[in-house]
N, C-alpha and C. Protein backbone atom coordinates (compact mmCIF):
# COMPACT_ATOMS: atom_id res chain seq x y z
N MET A 1 -9.79 -6.30 12.20
CA MET A 1 -10.00 -5.94 10.90
C MET A 1 -9.62 -4.28 10.71
N ALA A 2 -10.19 -3.42 11.95
CA ALA A 2 -10.48 -2.19 11.72
C ALA A 2 -9.29 -1.21 11.42
N ASN A 3 -8.06 -1.71 11.64
CA ASN A 3 -6.81 -1.10 11.31
C ASN A 3 -5.96 -1.85 10.11
N GLU A 4 -6.73 -2.60 9.46
CA GLU A 4 -6.26 -3.22 8.07
C GLU A 4 -5.25 -1.98 7.50
N THR A 5 -4.06 -2.30 6.87
CA THR A 5 -3.73 -1.47 5.71
C THR A 5 -4.07 -1.62 4.51
N THR A 6 -4.59 -0.65 3.93
CA THR A 6 -5.11 -0.90 2.49
C THR A 6 -4.59 -0.02 1.38
N ARG A 7 -3.95 -0.59 0.58
CA ARG A 7 -2.99 0.62 -0.54
C ARG A 7 -3.97 1.25 -1.62
N ILE A 8 -3.92 2.53 -1.94
CA ILE A 8 -5.06 3.03 -2.31
C ILE A 8 -4.62 3.99 -3.65
N LEU A 9 -4.95 3.61 -4.53
CA LEU A 9 -4.61 4.28 -6.10
C LEU A 9 -5.56 5.55 -6.13
N GLY A 10 -5.27 6.54 -6.32
CA GLY A 10 -5.93 7.95 -6.93
C GLY A 10 -5.61 8.05 -8.20
N LEU A 11 -6.63 8.31 -9.07
CA LEU A 11 -6.31 8.76 -10.47
C LEU A 11 -7.59 9.94 -10.85
N ASP A 12 -6.38 10.99 -11.52
CA ASP A 12 -7.29 11.92 -12.10
C ASP A 12 -6.91 11.93 -13.38
N PRO A 13 -8.18 11.46 -14.05
CA PRO A 13 -8.11 11.06 -15.64
C PRO A 13 -7.93 12.48 -16.42
N GLY A 14 -7.06 12.43 -17.41
CA GLY A 14 -6.90 13.35 -18.39
C GLY A 14 -6.18 12.64 -19.57
N LEU A 15 -6.31 13.26 -20.97
CA LEU A 15 -5.94 12.52 -22.04
C LEU A 15 -4.58 13.22 -22.32
N ARG A 16 -4.33 14.67 -21.87
CA ARG A 16 -3.00 15.08 -22.11
C ARG A 16 -1.82 14.82 -20.80
N ARG A 17 -2.46 14.88 -19.37
CA ARG A 17 -1.90 14.17 -18.24
C ARG A 17 -2.95 13.52 -17.36
N THR A 18 -2.66 12.52 -16.80
CA THR A 18 -3.53 11.83 -15.87
C THR A 18 -2.38 11.84 -14.46
N GLY A 19 -3.00 12.40 -13.76
CA GLY A 19 -2.37 12.17 -12.26
C GLY A 19 -2.61 10.97 -11.62
N TRP A 20 -1.79 10.49 -10.98
CA TRP A 20 -2.01 9.25 -10.12
C TRP A 20 -1.32 9.50 -8.52
N GLY A 21 -1.77 8.92 -7.65
CA GLY A 21 -1.20 8.66 -6.42
C GLY A 21 -1.50 7.63 -5.56
N VAL A 22 -0.53 7.00 -4.92
CA VAL A 22 -0.67 6.09 -3.90
C VAL A 22 -0.45 6.20 -2.68
N ILE A 23 -1.42 6.11 -1.81
CA ILE A 23 -1.48 6.25 -0.33
C ILE A 23 -2.04 4.84 0.34
N GLU A 24 -1.38 4.87 1.80
CA GLU A 24 -1.75 3.75 2.79
C GLU A 24 -2.60 4.15 3.66
N SER A 25 -3.69 3.59 3.93
CA SER A 25 -4.83 4.07 4.86
C SER A 25 -4.99 2.79 5.71
N GLU A 26 -4.52 3.10 7.22
CA GLU A 26 -4.69 2.28 8.15
C GLU A 26 -5.61 3.08 9.46
N GLY A 27 -6.78 2.49 9.22
CA GLY A 27 -7.61 3.05 10.45
C GLY A 27 -8.06 4.79 9.60
N SER A 28 -7.69 5.59 10.78
CA SER A 28 -7.63 6.83 10.02
C SER A 28 -6.55 7.58 9.86
N ARG A 29 -5.39 6.83 9.88
CA ARG A 29 -3.88 7.36 9.58
C ARG A 29 -4.11 7.13 7.97
N LEU A 30 -3.40 8.22 7.52
CA LEU A 30 -2.72 7.74 5.85
C LEU A 30 -1.38 8.16 5.47
N ARG A 31 -0.89 7.60 4.90
CA ARG A 31 0.51 7.76 4.42
C ARG A 31 0.80 7.67 3.07
N TRP A 32 1.74 8.72 2.42
CA TRP A 32 1.83 8.82 1.58
C TRP A 32 2.76 8.07 0.64
N ILE A 33 2.87 6.96 -0.12
CA ILE A 33 3.65 6.10 -0.90
C ILE A 33 4.27 6.80 -2.10
N ALA A 34 3.45 7.33 -2.98
CA ALA A 34 4.11 7.62 -4.46
C ALA A 34 3.33 8.74 -4.98
N HIS A 35 3.46 9.40 -5.99
CA HIS A 35 2.55 9.89 -6.90
C HIS A 35 3.24 10.42 -8.29
N GLY A 36 2.45 10.56 -9.46
CA GLY A 36 3.33 11.13 -10.42
C GLY A 36 1.96 11.70 -11.53
N VAL A 37 2.61 11.61 -12.79
CA VAL A 37 1.84 11.85 -13.92
C VAL A 37 2.00 11.19 -14.89
N VAL A 38 1.41 10.60 -15.93
CA VAL A 38 1.33 10.15 -17.39
C VAL A 38 1.09 11.04 -18.43
N ALA A 39 1.46 11.07 -19.38
CA ALA A 39 1.78 12.33 -20.23
C ALA A 39 2.12 11.61 -21.46
N PRO A 40 0.99 10.92 -22.46
CA PRO A 40 1.27 10.44 -23.61
C PRO A 40 1.71 11.82 -24.65
N SER A 41 2.41 11.25 -25.53
CA SER A 41 2.80 12.44 -26.48
C SER A 41 1.57 12.81 -27.31
N GLU A 42 1.15 14.20 -27.00
CA GLU A 42 0.19 14.65 -28.03
C GLU A 42 0.31 14.56 -29.32
N LYS A 43 1.77 14.04 -29.67
CA LYS A 43 1.82 13.96 -31.41
C LYS A 43 1.17 12.48 -31.67
N ALA A 44 1.12 11.61 -30.85
CA ALA A 44 0.69 10.31 -31.01
C ALA A 44 -0.82 10.13 -31.57
N PRO A 45 -1.13 9.36 -32.38
CA PRO A 45 -2.38 9.01 -32.70
C PRO A 45 -3.43 8.81 -31.46
N PHE A 46 -4.76 9.29 -31.41
CA PHE A 46 -5.31 9.14 -30.33
C PHE A 46 -5.65 7.50 -29.62
N SER A 47 -5.61 6.45 -30.59
CA SER A 47 -5.63 5.20 -29.90
C SER A 47 -4.22 5.08 -29.45
N GLU A 48 -3.02 5.38 -29.91
CA GLU A 48 -1.81 4.99 -29.09
C GLU A 48 -2.01 5.91 -27.62
N ARG A 49 -2.42 7.09 -27.66
CA ARG A 49 -2.77 7.77 -26.16
C ARG A 49 -3.23 7.02 -25.38
N LEU A 50 -4.12 6.46 -26.00
CA LEU A 50 -5.14 5.79 -24.87
C LEU A 50 -4.25 4.63 -24.26
N LEU A 51 -3.84 4.19 -25.45
CA LEU A 51 -3.08 2.73 -25.03
C LEU A 51 -1.94 3.09 -23.99
N HIS A 52 -1.49 3.99 -24.26
CA HIS A 52 -0.35 4.68 -23.15
C HIS A 52 -0.68 4.61 -22.13
N LEU A 53 -1.84 5.28 -21.94
CA LEU A 53 -2.77 5.44 -20.38
C LEU A 53 -3.05 4.09 -19.57
N LEU A 54 -3.34 3.29 -20.46
CA LEU A 54 -3.73 1.85 -19.90
C LEU A 54 -2.71 1.21 -19.60
N GLU A 55 -1.54 1.08 -20.46
CA GLU A 55 -0.38 0.46 -19.98
C GLU A 55 0.57 1.23 -18.80
N GLN A 56 0.48 2.41 -18.73
CA GLN A 56 1.33 3.22 -17.73
C GLN A 56 0.34 2.79 -16.34
N VAL A 57 -0.82 3.32 -16.42
CA VAL A 57 -1.60 3.21 -15.22
C VAL A 57 -1.66 1.65 -14.47
N GLY A 58 -1.23 0.82 -15.57
CA GLY A 58 -1.34 -0.93 -15.18
C GLY A 58 0.05 -0.91 -14.49
N GLU A 59 1.03 -0.32 -15.23
CA GLU A 59 2.28 -0.45 -14.69
C GLU A 59 2.57 0.11 -12.97
N VAL A 60 1.76 0.98 -12.96
CA VAL A 60 1.79 1.91 -11.51
C VAL A 60 1.09 0.93 -10.54
N CYS A 61 -0.18 0.07 -10.90
CA CYS A 61 -0.56 -0.82 -10.04
C CYS A 61 0.22 -1.79 -9.65
N ALA A 62 1.07 -2.21 -10.41
CA ALA A 62 1.72 -3.32 -10.37
C ALA A 62 2.67 -2.99 -9.37
N ALA A 63 3.28 -1.78 -9.87
CA ALA A 63 4.87 -1.18 -9.12
C ALA A 63 4.42 -1.50 -7.67
N TYR A 64 3.23 -0.57 -7.06
CA TYR A 64 3.11 -0.26 -5.90
C TYR A 64 2.01 -1.26 -5.31
N ASP A 65 1.96 -2.68 -5.96
CA ASP A 65 0.94 -3.33 -5.37
C ASP A 65 -0.37 -2.78 -4.43
N CYS A 66 -0.99 -2.02 -5.29
CA CYS A 66 -2.13 -1.49 -5.02
C CYS A 66 -3.69 -2.56 -4.50
N ASP A 67 -4.26 -2.02 -3.60
CA ASP A 67 -5.22 -3.04 -3.19
C ASP A 67 -6.73 -2.42 -3.79
N GLU A 68 -6.71 -1.38 -3.86
CA GLU A 68 -8.09 -0.75 -4.49
C GLU A 68 -7.70 0.72 -5.16
N ALA A 69 -8.69 1.00 -6.07
CA ALA A 69 -8.52 2.38 -7.25
C ALA A 69 -9.47 3.05 -6.69
N ALA A 70 -9.30 4.43 -7.06
CA ALA A 70 -10.70 5.44 -6.92
C ALA A 70 -10.31 6.57 -8.26
N ILE A 71 -11.21 6.80 -8.96
CA ILE A 71 -11.08 7.68 -10.13
C ILE A 71 -11.99 8.90 -10.08
N GLU A 72 -11.83 10.15 -10.52
CA GLU A 72 -12.55 11.16 -10.50
C GLU A 72 -13.50 11.08 -11.39
N GLU A 73 -14.81 11.39 -11.35
CA GLU A 73 -16.09 11.06 -12.27
C GLU A 73 -15.59 12.13 -12.97
N VAL A 74 -16.24 12.13 -14.43
CA VAL A 74 -15.97 13.11 -15.29
C VAL A 74 -17.03 14.27 -15.46
N PHE A 75 -16.43 15.19 -15.65
CA PHE A 75 -17.62 16.42 -15.64
C PHE A 75 -17.90 16.90 -16.74
N VAL A 76 -19.15 17.27 -17.38
CA VAL A 76 -19.60 17.61 -18.59
C VAL A 76 -18.78 19.17 -18.98
N ASN A 77 -18.07 19.00 -20.16
CA ASN A 77 -17.41 20.60 -20.52
C ASN A 77 -18.42 21.01 -21.36
N VAL A 78 -18.02 21.96 -21.69
CA VAL A 78 -18.75 23.07 -22.53
C VAL A 78 -18.39 22.58 -23.99
N ASN A 79 -17.73 21.85 -24.28
CA ASN A 79 -17.24 21.40 -25.97
C ASN A 79 -17.40 19.84 -25.99
N PRO A 80 -19.05 19.61 -26.47
CA PRO A 80 -18.95 17.99 -26.22
C PRO A 80 -17.61 16.96 -26.76
N ALA A 81 -17.02 17.44 -27.83
CA ALA A 81 -15.81 16.54 -28.46
C ALA A 81 -14.81 16.29 -27.38
N SER A 82 -14.75 17.46 -26.51
CA SER A 82 -13.66 17.46 -25.48
C SER A 82 -14.19 16.58 -24.59
N THR A 83 -15.43 16.54 -24.11
CA THR A 83 -16.02 15.50 -22.97
C THR A 83 -15.87 14.15 -23.69
N LEU A 84 -16.35 13.89 -24.85
CA LEU A 84 -16.26 12.74 -25.26
C LEU A 84 -14.58 11.84 -25.28
N LYS A 85 -13.48 12.87 -25.73
CA LYS A 85 -12.20 12.45 -25.71
C LYS A 85 -12.01 12.13 -24.13
N LEU A 86 -12.13 13.06 -23.39
CA LEU A 86 -12.04 12.73 -21.81
C LEU A 86 -12.66 11.41 -21.02
N GLY A 87 -13.80 11.31 -22.10
CA GLY A 87 -14.39 10.01 -21.40
C GLY A 87 -13.67 8.85 -21.94
N HIS A 88 -13.43 8.57 -22.75
CA HIS A 88 -12.15 8.07 -23.49
C HIS A 88 -11.10 7.52 -22.75
N ALA A 89 -10.11 8.87 -22.28
CA ALA A 89 -9.29 8.75 -21.33
C ALA A 89 -9.49 8.01 -20.03
N ARG A 90 -10.60 8.72 -19.65
CA ARG A 90 -11.07 7.92 -18.21
C ARG A 90 -11.08 6.48 -18.34
N ALA A 91 -11.86 6.20 -19.28
CA ALA A 91 -12.02 4.68 -19.38
C ALA A 91 -10.94 4.03 -19.51
N ALA A 92 -10.02 4.42 -20.28
CA ALA A 92 -8.74 3.60 -20.47
C ALA A 92 -7.98 3.60 -19.20
N VAL A 93 -8.17 4.67 -18.51
CA VAL A 93 -7.34 4.90 -17.10
C VAL A 93 -8.34 3.74 -15.94
N MET A 94 -9.52 3.64 -16.15
CA MET A 94 -10.03 2.69 -15.32
C MET A 94 -9.98 1.51 -15.60
N LEU A 95 -9.79 1.21 -16.54
CA LEU A 95 -9.41 -0.40 -17.22
C LEU A 95 -8.37 -0.83 -16.77
N ALA A 96 -7.09 0.29 -16.40
CA ALA A 96 -5.74 -0.64 -16.03
C ALA A 96 -6.19 -1.19 -14.70
N PRO A 97 -6.65 -0.43 -13.46
CA PRO A 97 -6.79 -1.27 -12.21
C PRO A 97 -7.75 -2.14 -12.32
N ALA A 98 -8.95 -2.14 -12.92
CA ALA A 98 -9.84 -3.37 -12.94
C ALA A 98 -9.02 -4.64 -13.92
N ARG A 99 -8.23 -4.52 -14.69
CA ARG A 99 -7.46 -5.25 -15.31
C ARG A 99 -6.80 -6.03 -14.32
N ALA A 100 -6.26 -5.19 -13.40
CA ALA A 100 -5.40 -6.00 -12.44
C ALA A 100 -6.24 -6.36 -11.20
N GLY A 101 -7.15 -6.58 -11.17
CA GLY A 101 -8.27 -7.19 -10.25
C GLY A 101 -8.63 -6.33 -9.17
N LEU A 102 -8.57 -4.95 -9.30
CA LEU A 102 -8.75 -4.14 -8.26
C LEU A 102 -10.21 -3.36 -8.52
N SER A 103 -10.86 -3.15 -7.28
CA SER A 103 -12.11 -2.46 -7.23
C SER A 103 -11.82 -1.15 -7.44
N VAL A 104 -12.81 -0.62 -8.36
CA VAL A 104 -12.54 0.99 -8.70
C VAL A 104 -13.54 1.94 -8.32
N ALA A 105 -13.55 2.52 -7.32
CA ALA A 105 -14.62 3.62 -6.87
C ALA A 105 -14.34 4.82 -7.69
N GLU A 106 -15.70 5.42 -7.72
CA GLU A 106 -15.83 6.81 -8.39
C GLU A 106 -16.51 7.91 -7.65
N TYR A 107 -15.79 9.04 -7.54
CA TYR A 107 -16.27 10.15 -6.76
C TYR A 107 -16.32 11.34 -7.82
N ALA A 108 -17.60 11.97 -7.42
CA ALA A 108 -17.67 13.37 -8.06
C ALA A 108 -16.50 14.63 -7.47
N PRO A 109 -16.17 15.23 -8.76
CA PRO A 109 -15.28 16.40 -7.96
C PRO A 109 -15.44 17.36 -7.08
N THR A 110 -16.95 17.63 -6.85
CA THR A 110 -17.63 18.50 -5.57
C THR A 110 -16.97 17.47 -4.36
N LEU A 111 -17.23 16.29 -4.43
CA LEU A 111 -17.25 15.45 -3.18
C LEU A 111 -15.83 15.40 -2.71
N ILE A 112 -14.76 15.30 -3.78
CA ILE A 112 -13.49 14.99 -3.51
C ILE A 112 -12.95 16.53 -3.02
N LYS A 113 -13.70 17.59 -3.45
CA LYS A 113 -13.05 18.87 -3.06
C LYS A 113 -13.57 19.31 -1.42
N LYS A 114 -14.95 18.76 -0.99
CA LYS A 114 -15.41 18.82 0.23
C LYS A 114 -14.57 17.92 1.12
N ALA A 115 -14.33 16.71 0.84
CA ALA A 115 -13.41 15.77 1.66
C ALA A 115 -12.30 16.37 1.81
N VAL A 116 -11.44 16.82 1.17
CA VAL A 116 -10.08 17.43 1.18
C VAL A 116 -10.21 18.74 1.65
N VAL A 117 -10.81 19.50 1.02
CA VAL A 117 -10.50 21.00 1.46
C VAL A 117 -11.79 21.37 2.63
N GLY A 118 -12.90 20.98 2.25
CA GLY A 118 -14.11 21.35 3.07
C GLY A 118 -15.04 21.83 2.11
N ALA A 119 -14.70 22.22 1.11
CA ALA A 119 -15.63 23.32 0.20
C ALA A 119 -15.70 22.76 -1.57
N GLY A 120 -16.96 22.39 -1.81
CA GLY A 120 -17.28 21.58 -2.97
C GLY A 120 -16.60 22.96 -4.29
N GLN A 121 -16.21 23.76 -3.72
CA GLN A 121 -15.67 24.90 -5.20
C GLN A 121 -14.38 25.44 -4.83
N ALA A 122 -13.70 24.37 -4.24
CA ALA A 122 -12.19 24.45 -3.93
C ALA A 122 -11.32 24.84 -5.32
N ASP A 123 -10.37 25.48 -5.41
CA ASP A 123 -9.46 25.67 -6.76
C ASP A 123 -8.35 24.53 -6.35
N LYS A 124 -7.22 24.48 -7.39
CA LYS A 124 -6.50 23.43 -7.59
C LYS A 124 -5.41 23.60 -6.60
N SER A 125 -5.26 25.00 -6.55
CA SER A 125 -4.24 25.55 -5.23
C SER A 125 -4.60 25.24 -3.96
N GLN A 126 -5.48 25.19 -3.52
CA GLN A 126 -6.56 24.60 -2.11
C GLN A 126 -6.16 23.13 -1.96
N ILE A 127 -6.70 22.85 -3.33
CA ILE A 127 -6.37 21.01 -2.87
C ILE A 127 -5.12 20.61 -2.66
N ALA A 128 -3.94 21.13 -3.29
CA ALA A 128 -2.52 21.57 -3.52
C ALA A 128 -1.92 21.33 -2.02
N PHE A 129 -2.69 22.44 -1.35
CA PHE A 129 -2.14 22.98 -0.11
C PHE A 129 -2.69 21.90 0.80
N MET A 130 -3.86 21.35 0.70
CA MET A 130 -4.65 20.26 1.84
C MET A 130 -3.47 18.97 1.48
N VAL A 131 -3.60 18.68 0.20
CA VAL A 131 -2.91 17.56 0.16
C VAL A 131 -1.45 17.54 0.78
N LYS A 132 -0.75 18.64 0.64
CA LYS A 132 0.56 18.67 1.31
C LYS A 132 0.49 18.73 3.08
N ARG A 133 -0.85 19.27 3.40
CA ARG A 133 -0.80 19.19 4.96
C ARG A 133 -1.48 17.59 5.44
N LEU A 134 -2.18 17.07 4.95
CA LEU A 134 -2.52 15.66 4.97
C LEU A 134 -1.27 14.49 5.06
N LEU A 135 -0.78 14.77 3.79
CA LEU A 135 0.41 13.80 3.32
C LEU A 135 1.88 14.42 3.07
N PRO A 136 2.12 14.87 4.47
CA PRO A 136 3.41 15.89 4.52
C PRO A 136 4.66 15.43 3.65
N ALA A 137 4.76 14.03 3.79
CA ALA A 137 5.78 13.10 3.36
C ALA A 137 5.84 13.19 1.84
N SER A 138 4.57 14.08 0.80
CA SER A 138 4.25 14.09 -0.26
C SER A 138 5.57 15.14 -0.74
N GLY A 139 5.71 16.02 -0.04
CA GLY A 139 6.20 17.17 -0.63
C GLY A 139 5.43 18.28 -1.68
N GLU A 140 6.16 18.76 -2.23
CA GLU A 140 5.24 20.02 -3.39
C GLU A 140 4.80 18.79 -4.32
N VAL A 141 3.72 19.03 -4.62
CA VAL A 141 2.90 18.00 -5.60
C VAL A 141 2.30 18.99 -6.51
N LYS A 142 2.60 18.74 -7.84
CA LYS A 142 1.92 19.34 -9.22
C LYS A 142 0.24 19.26 -9.10
N ALA A 143 -0.37 19.76 -9.71
CA ALA A 143 -1.90 19.91 -9.62
C ALA A 143 -2.34 18.63 -9.79
N ASP A 144 -2.26 17.73 -11.01
CA ASP A 144 -2.50 16.55 -11.31
C ASP A 144 -2.39 15.52 -10.46
N ALA A 145 -0.88 15.48 -9.93
CA ALA A 145 -0.94 14.10 -8.79
C ALA A 145 -1.74 14.62 -7.89
N ALA A 146 -1.63 15.93 -7.11
CA ALA A 146 -2.47 16.64 -6.42
C ALA A 146 -3.69 16.10 -6.09
N ASP A 147 -4.42 16.28 -7.57
CA ASP A 147 -5.98 15.67 -7.58
C ASP A 147 -5.96 14.35 -7.38
N ALA A 148 -4.94 13.63 -7.93
CA ALA A 148 -4.94 12.12 -7.70
C ALA A 148 -5.15 12.00 -6.30
N LEU A 149 -4.28 12.33 -5.45
CA LEU A 149 -3.90 11.92 -3.98
C LEU A 149 -5.11 12.33 -3.54
N ALA A 150 -5.75 13.58 -3.88
CA ALA A 150 -6.96 13.81 -3.13
C ALA A 150 -8.07 13.05 -3.37
N VAL A 151 -8.15 12.03 -4.57
CA VAL A 151 -9.13 11.24 -4.93
C VAL A 151 -8.95 9.72 -3.88
N ALA A 152 -7.62 9.64 -3.74
CA ALA A 152 -7.29 8.40 -2.69
C ALA A 152 -7.62 8.67 -1.58
N VAL A 153 -7.36 10.09 -0.80
CA VAL A 153 -7.76 10.00 0.27
C VAL A 153 -9.09 10.57 0.59
N THR A 154 -10.16 10.64 -0.59
CA THR A 154 -11.52 10.49 -0.47
C THR A 154 -11.95 9.46 -0.49
N HIS A 155 -11.31 8.33 -1.09
CA HIS A 155 -11.74 6.97 -1.01
C HIS A 155 -11.21 6.39 0.20
N ALA A 156 -9.87 7.05 1.13
CA ALA A 156 -9.74 6.48 2.20
C ALA A 156 -10.78 6.77 3.14
N HIS A 157 -11.44 7.86 3.22
CA HIS A 157 -12.50 8.35 4.35
C HIS A 157 -13.81 7.56 3.88
N HIS A 158 -14.28 7.55 2.89
CA HIS A 158 -15.32 6.97 2.61
C HIS A 158 -15.53 5.30 2.64
N ARG A 159 -14.48 4.82 2.56
CA ARG A 159 -14.45 3.35 2.72
C ARG A 159 -14.49 3.07 4.11
N ARG A 160 -13.48 4.03 4.74
CA ARG A 160 -13.43 3.78 6.49
C ARG A 160 -14.86 3.98 6.87
N PHE A 161 -15.59 4.77 6.85
CA PHE A 161 -16.95 5.23 7.04
C PHE A 161 -18.20 4.07 6.86
N LYS A 162 -18.03 3.70 5.41
CA LYS A 162 -18.79 2.32 4.98
C LYS A 162 -18.49 1.18 5.93
N THR A 163 -16.97 0.78 6.24
CA THR A 163 -16.94 -0.03 7.39
C THR A 163 -17.21 0.03 8.28
N ILE A 164 -17.72 1.08 8.79
CA ILE A 164 -17.80 1.50 10.38
C ILE A 164 -19.32 1.14 10.46
N ALA A 165 -20.13 1.82 9.33
CA ALA A 165 -21.64 1.50 8.92
C ALA A 165 -21.96 0.13 9.04
N VAL A 166 -20.80 -0.72 8.31
CA VAL A 166 -21.39 -1.90 8.18
C VAL A 166 -21.15 -2.82 9.72
N ARG A 167 -20.04 -2.79 10.19
CA ARG A 167 -19.60 -3.11 11.52
C ARG A 167 -20.87 -2.86 12.48
N GLY A 168 -21.32 -1.39 12.50
CA GLY A 168 -22.09 -1.12 13.31
C GLY A 168 -23.76 -1.67 13.23
N ALA A 169 -23.83 -1.95 11.98
CA ALA A 169 -25.44 -2.65 11.50
C ALA A 169 -25.13 -4.27 11.91
N ALA A 170 -24.09 -4.72 12.21
CA ALA A 170 -23.84 -6.20 12.62
C ALA A 170 -24.25 -6.35 14.04
């Protein structure tokens, strides 16, 4: 089972733009499958925007037959109202894979940056650059989708180490 292929959905939640990326992990090998952005209409009522996120991410889960999901943890913003709205968006995005029966792992932004770039304070351009290096078939990836692919890569690395640790303890 060490080289079992797992399809991972990475999610970078946002109310305006939610990035998603799907990769396959087999041992230490990663393979890009797809990526994109869900962007609800900014003119739609808040509840409809959240529903749009839930439905669209659910469609991604089904379309790409994902096995697991991972999401970036929310960071505390200067504006409490913005943080709360982001929390709502994150909940809608997180519920979609949960509804599809997938486990959903959560990772802090600094951990994702360290896992992909090697530095916890990396900026979006550095993340996009490393995603392109790690997943060359992905081509040019915009920031939201690059962040989502970085979440998926982080999960692939962490789940691999957890599997090795569990096997080593047996």
